[in-house]
Amino acid sequence: MGAIHGNEPAGIEAAKRILALLSKTKIRGEYLALGGNLGAMREGRRYRFRDMNRVWTEAHIGEVRSKKSEALDAEDLEQLDLLDAIRSAIGRARGPVYLVDLHTTSAHGVPFVLFGDTLRQRNFTRGLPLPVIMGLEEQLDGVLSEYCTKLGVVTFAVEGGQHADAGSIDNLEAVVLLASQTAGLFEEGSVPETRAAYALLESRRGSLPRVMEVVSRHAITPEDSFVMAPGFKNLDHAHAGQLLAHDRNGAIRAPADGVVMLPLYQGQGADGFFWGRAVSPARMRASEVLRQLHLDRVLAFLPGIERDGKNPTRYIVDRIAASLYPRDVFHMLGYRRIRQSTGTLTVERQPD
């Protein structure tokens, strides 16, 4: 999937390159390249009426489907076309289905991989020599990759570099090629270009940690007059108290030593930046063991926590319990979608 944000055309170009390469290769299965917000792409804009990577909820899809044809705007029509294409691909598949969602960013920086935290998606992306960001997808509502994960598709997104950097196309092409090999689209080693693709991505990572996680999201509105401090690149380290941005309330500073993710240097967008930190390999292994043992079932027996009767992957935590249990406990068990409401905390994971 390329250009679900119209100002990110590099994914389209990368997908075309892979299509040309695979046309000369014996493959097992189907390679399908989809374009996202093509109307906005022709205008060089992120979107026209709404962000097409925030509309993939059952409620919004139901609303769009219920509209009369004359009431549908251009992005409604694009979403319906994409939905039909995705569901059709899933319906005709005779094996697993994989989706790679291709993005670029307004800031320069190291390319990285992000996905909903399921064990299948951890395993699928393990062979990509890029930094992995855990929990970013769960900070946002209505993203395409989460919707597809719930349909049983193994999904990840990749931020390939800066919008206008020609190297971003190379990065995205390399990711799609390696993901195609991991998915079994062709025999390992049968496409010589995979070696150069791996070497390219490995060189991009540099000395960054293999795995990082999102601690918080700095959400913004047009009324905030948000301006990112100049000079930040994706995955730049920042120290406690360092100036990150300004808004109508004044300076915004780093809460601790950590990592700046997706700093906003473009006009459209609701995410000023994300704040993250490194995750140790030992913690990753421990998390996987806990989840393989299904120890999250213990949560239902803890005081102040009860399972949501409508959703087996969601728990409701009361105010007192929420103050007692560190959020890292929920993260270790895969519960990264955490939402606060009056008197309660809702924690949810994507199904493994």
Protein backbone atom coordinates (compact mmCIF):
# COMPACT_ATOMS: atom_id res chain seq x y z
CA MET A 1 0.00 0.00 0.00
CA GLY A 2 1.50 3.30 -1.08
CA ALA A 3 0.38 6.93 -0.71
CA ILE A 4 -2.44 6.51 1.78
CA HIS A 5 -1.15 9.99 2.55
CA GLY A 6 -1.13 11.86 -0.73
CA ASN A 7 2.12 13.72 -0.07
CA GLU A 8 4.00 10.41 0.28
CA PRO A 9 4.33 9.12 -3.31
CA ALA A 10 7.60 7.23 -2.70
CA GLY A 11 5.63 4.10 -1.77
CA ILE A 12 3.95 4.05 -5.17
CA GLU A 13 7.30 4.25 -6.95
CA ALA A 14 8.80 1.52 -4.75
CA ALA A 15 5.83 -0.79 -5.38
CA LYS A 16 6.18 -0.26 -9.14
CA ARG A 17 9.86 -1.20 -9.00
CA ILE A 18 9.06 -4.45 -7.20
CA LEU A 19 6.28 -5.18 -9.67
CA ALA A 20 8.78 -4.85 -12.52
CA LEU A 21 11.30 -7.09 -10.75
CA LEU A 22 8.77 -9.80 -9.89
CA SER A 23 7.44 -9.85 -13.44
CA LYS A 24 10.76 -11.53 -14.33
CA THR A 25 10.73 -13.85 -11.30
CA LYS A 26 8.93 -17.12 -10.62
CA ILE A 27 6.64 -16.40 -7.68
CA ARG A 28 4.28 -18.42 -5.50
CA GLY A 29 1.18 -16.43 -4.72
CA GLU A 30 0.08 -12.93 -5.66
CA TYR A 31 1.74 -9.53 -5.39
CA LEU A 32 -0.83 -6.73 -5.26
CA ALA A 33 0.17 -3.04 -5.29
CA LEU A 34 -2.48 -0.60 -4.07
CA GLY A 35 -2.53 3.19 -4.21
CA GLY A 36 -4.13 4.99 -1.28
CA ASN A 37 -5.24 8.61 -1.56
CA LEU A 38 -4.55 9.06 -5.27
CA GLY A 39 -6.58 12.25 -5.59
CA ALA A 40 -4.59 13.96 -2.85
CA MET A 41 -1.38 12.60 -4.37
CA ARG A 42 -2.16 14.32 -7.66
CA GLU A 43 -2.51 17.57 -5.69
CA GLY A 44 0.61 16.95 -3.59
CA ARG A 45 -1.39 17.10 -0.36
CA ARG A 46 -1.55 14.75 2.63
CA TYR A 47 -5.34 14.65 2.25
CA ARG A 48 -8.20 16.80 0.99
CA PHE A 49 -11.06 16.39 3.45
CA ARG A 50 -9.77 13.91 6.05
CA ASP A 51 -6.72 11.82 6.84
CA MET A 52 -7.25 8.50 5.08
CA ASN A 53 -5.11 6.72 7.64
CA ARG A 54 -7.51 7.63 10.47
CA VAL A 55 -10.78 6.38 8.96
CA TRP A 56 -10.45 2.59 9.28
CA THR A 57 -12.95 1.95 12.05
CA GLU A 58 -16.12 -0.10 11.76
CA ALA A 59 -18.15 2.95 12.77
CA HIS A 60 -16.70 5.18 10.04
CA ILE A 61 -16.86 2.46 7.39
CA GLY A 62 -20.51 1.83 8.28
CA GLU A 63 -21.21 5.55 8.00
CA VAL A 64 -19.59 5.74 4.56
CA ARG A 65 -21.40 2.64 3.32
CA SER A 66 -24.74 4.09 4.45
CA LYS A 67 -24.32 7.33 2.48
CA LYS A 68 -26.19 7.89 -0.74
CA SER A 69 -23.88 7.88 -3.75
CA GLU A 70 -24.32 11.61 -4.36
CA ALA A 71 -23.23 12.33 -0.77
CA LEU A 72 -19.91 10.48 -1.09
CA ASP A 73 -16.86 12.71 -1.41
CA ALA A 74 -13.70 11.74 -3.27
CA GLU A 75 -12.00 10.22 -0.21
CA ASP A 76 -15.10 8.20 0.67
CA LEU A 77 -14.95 6.70 -2.81
CA GLU A 78 -11.22 5.99 -2.52
CA GLN A 79 -11.77 4.24 0.81
CA LEU A 80 -14.58 2.08 -0.56
CA ASP A 81 -12.40 1.08 -3.53
CA LEU A 82 -9.55 0.15 -1.20
CA LEU A 83 -11.86 -1.77 1.10
CA ASP A 84 -13.21 -3.81 -1.81
CA ALA A 85 -9.68 -4.51 -3.10
CA ILE A 86 -8.41 -5.61 0.33
CA ARG A 87 -11.38 -7.83 1.11
CA SER A 88 -11.26 -9.33 -2.38
CA ALA A 89 -7.57 -10.18 -1.96
CA ILE A 90 -8.25 -11.81 1.41
CA GLY A 91 -11.17 -13.75 -0.05
CA ARG A 92 -9.20 -15.28 -2.92
CA ALA A 93 -6.04 -16.02 -0.91
CA ARG A 94 -5.18 -19.70 -0.39
CA GLY A 95 -2.68 -18.95 2.35
CA PRO A 96 -1.57 -16.13 4.66
CA VAL A 97 -2.05 -12.53 3.55
CA TYR A 98 0.54 -9.82 4.27
CA LEU A 99 0.24 -6.05 3.99
CA VAL A 100 3.16 -3.60 3.94
CA ASP A 101 1.98 -0.01 4.41
CA LEU A 102 4.56 2.35 2.87
CA HIS A 103 5.11 5.83 4.30
CA THR A 104 7.57 8.73 4.34
CA THR A 105 7.95 11.62 6.78
CA SER A 106 8.31 15.39 6.77
CA ALA A 107 11.59 15.14 8.72
CA HIS A 108 14.79 13.47 7.62
CA GLY A 109 16.02 10.50 9.61
CA VAL A 110 16.52 6.76 9.81
CA PRO A 111 13.81 4.55 8.28
CA PHE A 112 11.97 2.34 10.74
CA VAL A 113 9.28 -0.33 11.05
CA LEU A 114 6.13 -0.14 13.16
CA PHE A 115 3.25 -2.55 13.72
CA GLY A 116 0.50 -3.55 16.09
CA ASP A 117 2.15 -5.60 18.81
CA THR A 118 1.18 -9.18 17.98
CA LEU A 119 3.55 -12.14 18.13
CA ARG A 120 2.93 -12.97 14.46
CA GLN A 121 3.91 -9.46 13.43
CA ARG A 122 6.96 -9.46 15.69
CA ASN A 123 8.11 -12.69 14.04
CA PHE A 124 7.43 -11.51 10.50
CA THR A 125 9.46 -8.31 10.87
CA ARG A 126 12.34 -9.89 12.78
CA GLY A 127 14.44 -10.31 9.64
CA LEU A 128 14.32 -6.63 8.65
CA PRO A 129 17.55 -4.87 9.71
CA LEU A 130 15.79 -1.65 10.72
CA PRO A 131 14.78 -0.17 14.06
CA VAL A 132 11.38 -1.37 15.24
CA ILE A 133 8.97 0.98 17.03
CA MET A 134 6.48 -0.70 19.33
CA GLY A 135 3.19 0.89 20.33
CA LEU A 136 3.02 3.72 17.81
CA GLU A 137 0.11 2.21 15.91
CA GLU A 138 -1.83 1.77 19.15
CA GLN A 139 -1.51 5.50 19.90
CA LEU A 140 -3.72 6.28 16.91
CA ASP A 141 -7.32 5.43 16.07
CA GLY A 142 -8.51 4.29 12.66
CA VAL A 143 -5.20 3.36 11.02
CA LEU A 144 -5.32 0.96 8.08
CA SER A 145 -2.74 -1.46 9.45
CA GLU A 146 -4.72 -2.06 12.66
CA TYR A 147 -7.90 -2.63 10.68
CA CYS A 148 -6.18 -5.21 8.49
CA THR A 149 -4.59 -6.94 11.49
CA LYS A 150 -8.09 -7.48 12.88
CA LEU A 151 -9.02 -9.12 9.56
CA GLY A 152 -6.25 -11.68 10.13
CA VAL A 153 -3.68 -10.03 7.84
CA VAL A 154 -0.05 -9.91 9.00
CA THR A 155 0.65 -6.21 8.71
CA PHE A 156 3.37 -3.68 9.31
CA ALA A 157 4.10 -0.12 8.26
CA VAL A 158 7.45 1.35 7.35
CA GLU A 159 8.57 4.96 7.41
CA GLY A 160 11.11 5.04 4.60
CA GLY A 161 12.67 8.48 4.98
CA GLN A 162 11.89 12.07 4.07
CA HIS A 163 9.14 12.76 1.50
CA ALA A 164 11.34 14.32 -1.18
CA ASP A 165 14.49 12.24 -0.62
CA ALA A 166 15.10 9.87 -3.55
CA GLY A 167 16.73 7.47 -1.09
CA SER A 168 13.33 6.94 0.54
CA ILE A 169 12.17 5.07 -2.57
CA ASP A 170 15.25 2.83 -2.35
CA ASN A 171 14.54 2.13 1.32
CA LEU A 172 10.90 1.25 0.73
CA GLU A 173 11.78 -0.92 -2.26
CA ALA A 174 14.29 -2.84 -0.13
CA VAL A 175 11.72 -3.41 2.63
CA VAL A 176 9.06 -4.70 0.22
CA LEU A 177 11.56 -7.03 -1.45
CA LEU A 178 12.72 -8.54 1.85
CA ALA A 179 9.15 -8.81 3.13
CA SER A 180 8.16 -10.61 -0.08
CA GLN A 181 10.93 -13.12 0.51
CA THR A 182 9.92 -13.64 4.15
CA ALA A 183 6.30 -14.14 3.07
CA GLY A 184 7.44 -16.95 0.76
CA LEU A 185 6.60 -15.19 -2.49
CA PHE A 186 9.86 -16.54 -3.90
CA GLU A 187 12.57 -18.93 -2.73
CA GLU A 188 15.13 -17.47 -0.36
CA GLY A 189 18.23 -16.55 -2.32
CA SER A 190 16.54 -16.87 -5.72
CA VAL A 191 16.43 -13.09 -6.21
CA PRO A 192 19.99 -11.71 -6.03
CA GLU A 193 18.75 -8.18 -5.30
CA THR A 194 17.73 -9.24 -1.77
CA ARG A 195 21.37 -9.21 -0.63
CA ALA A 196 21.84 -5.59 -1.69
CA ALA A 197 18.49 -4.70 -0.13
CA TYR A 198 19.51 -6.14 3.24
CA ALA A 199 22.88 -4.39 3.13
CA LEU A 200 21.23 -1.06 2.30
CA LEU A 201 18.81 -1.21 5.22
CA GLU A 202 21.48 -2.42 7.62
CA SER A 203 23.61 0.59 6.70
CA ARG A 204 20.68 2.96 7.36
CA ARG A 205 20.17 1.82 10.96
CA GLY A 206 23.60 2.84 12.20
CA SER A 207 23.99 2.58 15.97
CA LEU A 208 20.33 2.98 16.90
CA PRO A 209 18.74 0.41 19.24
CA ARG A 210 17.00 -2.47 17.51
CA VAL A 211 13.70 -1.92 19.38
CA MET A 212 12.12 1.22 20.80
CA GLU A 213 8.66 1.93 22.17
CA VAL A 214 6.34 4.92 22.20
CA VAL A 215 5.82 6.44 25.62
CA SER A 216 3.45 9.24 24.60
CA ARG A 217 1.94 11.15 21.70
CA HIS A 218 1.82 14.95 21.52
CA ALA A 219 -1.53 15.50 19.80
CA ILE A 220 -2.21 18.91 18.23
CA THR A 221 -5.02 20.93 16.65
CA PRO A 222 -4.74 23.92 14.29
CA GLU A 223 -5.70 26.18 17.21
CA ASP A 224 -2.58 25.11 19.14
CA SER A 225 -0.23 27.08 16.82
CA PHE A 226 2.23 24.20 17.20
CA VAL A 227 5.74 24.72 15.79
CA MET A 228 8.38 22.02 16.07
CA ALA A 229 11.83 23.26 17.06
CA PRO A 230 14.08 23.17 13.98
CA GLY A 231 16.68 20.52 13.31
CA PHE A 232 15.13 17.33 14.67
CA LYS A 233 15.40 14.17 12.59
CA ASN A 234 13.41 11.00 13.05
CA LEU A 235 14.66 8.97 16.04
CA ASP A 236 16.93 11.74 17.30
CA HIS A 237 17.91 11.43 20.95
CA ALA A 238 16.89 14.30 23.25
CA HIS A 239 17.84 14.96 26.86
CA ALA A 240 15.59 15.86 29.77
CA GLY A 241 14.47 19.49 29.58
CA GLN A 242 15.56 19.98 25.95
CA LEU A 243 13.32 22.29 23.91
CA LEU A 244 11.23 20.24 21.47
CA ALA A 245 8.56 22.66 20.24
CA HIS A 246 6.40 25.69 20.97
CA ASP A 247 2.66 26.17 20.99
CA ARG A 248 0.25 28.85 22.21
CA ASN A 249 1.00 27.88 25.81
CA GLY A 250 4.76 28.27 25.45
CA ALA A 251 7.74 25.93 25.32
CA ILE A 252 7.38 22.13 25.13
CA ARG A 253 10.36 20.30 26.62
CA ALA A 254 11.54 16.71 26.80
CA PRO A 255 10.15 15.02 29.94
CA ALA A 256 13.22 12.77 30.30
CA ASP A 257 16.07 11.41 28.22
CA GLY A 258 14.51 9.70 25.22
CA VAL A 259 13.84 9.65 21.48
CA VAL A 260 11.89 12.05 19.25
CA MET A 261 9.73 10.21 16.71
CA LEU A 262 7.95 11.65 13.68
CA PRO A 263 8.51 15.37 14.41
CA LEU A 264 6.02 17.40 12.37
CA TYR A 265 7.48 19.78 9.79
CA GLN A 266 4.49 20.05 7.44
CA GLY A 267 1.22 21.96 7.43
CA GLN A 268 -1.28 19.13 7.82
CA GLY A 269 -1.31 16.61 10.66
CA ALA A 270 -2.66 15.95 14.15
CA ASP A 271 0.55 14.52 15.65
CA GLY A 272 3.18 17.04 16.75
CA PHE A 273 5.64 14.30 17.65
CA PHE A 274 5.88 11.04 19.54
CA TRP A 275 8.13 10.45 22.52
CA GLY A 276 9.92 7.12 22.91
CA ARG A 277 12.64 5.09 24.59
CA ALA A 278 14.76 2.00 23.91
CA VAL A 279 13.56 -1.50 24.82
CA SER A 280 16.15 -4.08 25.88
CA PRO A 281 16.36 -7.49 24.13
CA ALA A 282 15.83 -9.16 27.52
CA ARG A 283 12.54 -7.33 28.00
CA MET A 284 11.39 -8.32 24.52
CA ARG A 285 12.15 -11.98 25.19
CA ALA A 286 10.41 -11.87 28.57
CA SER A 287 7.34 -10.30 26.99
CA GLU A 288 7.14 -13.04 24.36
CA VAL A 289 7.42 -15.80 26.97
CA LEU A 290 4.67 -14.24 29.10
CA ARG A 291 2.38 -14.01 26.10
CA GLN A 292 3.11 -17.52 24.86
CA LEU A 293 2.06 -18.72 28.32
CA HIS A 294 -1.13 -16.62 28.05
CA LEU A 295 -0.42 -15.04 31.42
CA ASP A 296 -2.58 -12.07 30.50
CA ARG A 297 -5.50 -14.21 31.70
CA VAL A 298 -4.32 -13.42 35.23
CA LEU A 299 -5.42 -9.80 34.74
CA ALA A 300 -9.07 -10.76 35.19
CA PHE A 301 -8.32 -11.97 38.73
CA LEU A 302 -6.53 -8.82 39.89
CA PRO A 303 -8.42 -6.34 42.08
CA GLY A 304 -9.95 -3.46 40.14
CA ILE A 305 -9.60 -5.10 36.70
CA GLU A 306 -12.37 -6.78 34.74
CA ARG A 307 -12.61 -8.13 31.22
CA ASP A 308 -14.82 -6.23 28.79
CA GLY A 309 -17.78 -8.52 28.11
CA LYS A 310 -18.00 -7.31 24.50
CA ASN A 311 -14.30 -7.65 23.65
CA PRO A 312 -12.12 -10.50 25.01
CA THR A 313 -8.91 -8.56 24.24
CA ARG A 314 -9.92 -5.53 26.33
CA TYR A 315 -9.88 -4.90 30.08
CA ILE A 316 -11.43 -2.11 32.14
CA VAL A 317 -9.23 -0.86 34.99
CA ASP A 318 -10.73 1.28 37.75
CA ARG A 319 -9.11 4.50 38.93
CA ILE A 320 -7.48 3.05 42.06
CA ALA A 321 -6.10 -0.02 40.29
CA ALA A 322 -4.80 2.16 37.45
CA SER A 323 -2.69 4.07 39.96
CA LEU A 324 -1.26 0.82 41.40
CA TYR A 325 -0.30 -1.10 38.26
CA PRO A 326 2.48 0.41 36.11
CA ARG A 327 1.59 0.67 32.44
CA ASP A 328 4.68 -1.39 31.66
CA VAL A 329 2.84 -4.40 33.11
CA PHE A 330 0.17 -4.06 30.44
CA HIS A 331 2.76 -3.39 27.72
CA MET A 332 4.63 -6.60 28.58
CA LEU A 333 1.43 -8.56 28.00
CA GLY A 334 0.74 -6.83 24.68
CA TYR A 335 -1.85 -4.34 25.95
CA ARG A 336 -0.53 -1.20 24.28
CA ARG A 337 -3.78 0.53 23.34
CA ILE A 338 -4.45 2.43 26.55
CA ARG A 339 -7.23 5.00 26.76
CA GLN A 340 -8.19 7.13 29.77
CA SER A 341 -11.77 8.07 30.55
CA THR A 342 -13.52 9.42 33.62
CA GLY A 343 -12.70 7.08 36.50
CA THR A 344 -11.36 4.20 34.40
CA LEU A 345 -8.55 3.08 32.14
CA THR A 346 -9.20 0.85 29.12
CA VAL A 347 -6.36 -1.43 27.99
CA GLU A 348 -6.56 -3.44 24.78
CA ARG A 349 -4.31 -5.62 22.66
CA GLN A 350 -4.59 -6.86 19.13
CA PRO A 351 -5.38 -10.58 18.81
CA ASP A 352 -2.32 -12.83 18.39
